[in-house]
Protein backbone atom coordinates (compact mmCIF):
# COMPACT_ATOMS: atom_id res chain seq x y z
CA MET A 1 0.31 -10.08 4.60
CA ASN A 2 2.72 -10.99 1.82
CA GLU A 3 4.20 -7.48 1.75
CA PRO A 4 4.57 -6.18 5.33
CA LYS A 5 6.79 -3.35 4.09
CA LYS A 6 4.21 -2.17 1.55
CA LEU A 7 2.61 1.11 2.61
CA PRO A 8 -0.93 2.21 1.79
CA GLY A 9 -1.16 4.28 -1.40
CA ASN A 10 -1.92 7.53 0.42
CA LEU A 11 0.86 7.12 2.97
CA ASP A 12 3.34 6.04 0.32
CA ARG A 13 2.50 9.09 -1.78
CA PHE A 14 2.61 11.33 1.30
CA LEU A 15 6.07 10.07 2.20
CA HIS A 16 7.23 10.62 -1.37
CA GLU A 17 5.88 14.17 -1.27
CA ALA A 18 7.36 14.75 2.17
CA LEU A 19 10.81 13.75 0.92
CA GLN A 20 10.52 16.39 -1.78
CA GLY A 21 9.09 18.96 0.63
CA ASN A 22 5.77 19.13 -1.22
CA VAL A 23 3.55 18.61 1.79
CA PRO A 24 0.35 20.48 2.58
CA LYS A 25 0.83 23.00 5.39
CA LEU A 26 -1.62 21.06 7.55
CA MET A 27 0.78 18.13 7.59
CA VAL A 28 3.91 20.15 8.30
CA PRO A 29 4.52 18.86 11.86
CA GLN A 30 3.96 15.28 10.69
CA SER A 31 6.06 15.69 7.57
CA THR A 32 9.02 17.23 9.39
CA ASN A 33 9.01 14.24 11.71
CA LEU A 34 8.79 11.83 8.78
CA THR A 35 11.52 13.57 6.82
CA GLY A 36 13.70 13.45 9.92
CA LEU A 37 13.11 9.73 10.19
CA PHE A 38 13.85 9.31 6.51
CA LYS A 39 17.05 11.31 6.74
CA ARG A 40 18.12 9.08 9.59
CA SER A 41 17.35 5.95 7.58
CA ILE A 42 19.11 7.37 4.51
CA ASN A 43 22.15 8.52 6.52
CA PRO A 44 22.54 5.83 9.18
CA SER A 45 26.19 6.79 9.63
CA LYS A 46 25.15 10.01 11.38
CA ARG A 47 23.30 8.02 14.02
CA PRO A 48 25.26 5.80 16.40
CA LYS A 49 24.15 2.18 16.49
CA GLY A 50 22.38 0.86 19.54
CA THR A 51 20.47 4.03 20.40
CA GLY A 52 17.31 1.93 20.70
CA LYS A 53 15.26 4.41 18.64
CA LYS A 54 13.93 3.51 15.21
């Protein structure tokens, strides 16, 4: 457990694809959720601090 932030290869690649919008249609509901989370993490200024949601 030296790299707790390291994601599994498949998930890492999936997230990379999701950020570019190149996700299989089967994963659309999942990907939209992930891209939303990523947009929040990329633009933290849009989200007020202390909301309690990560």
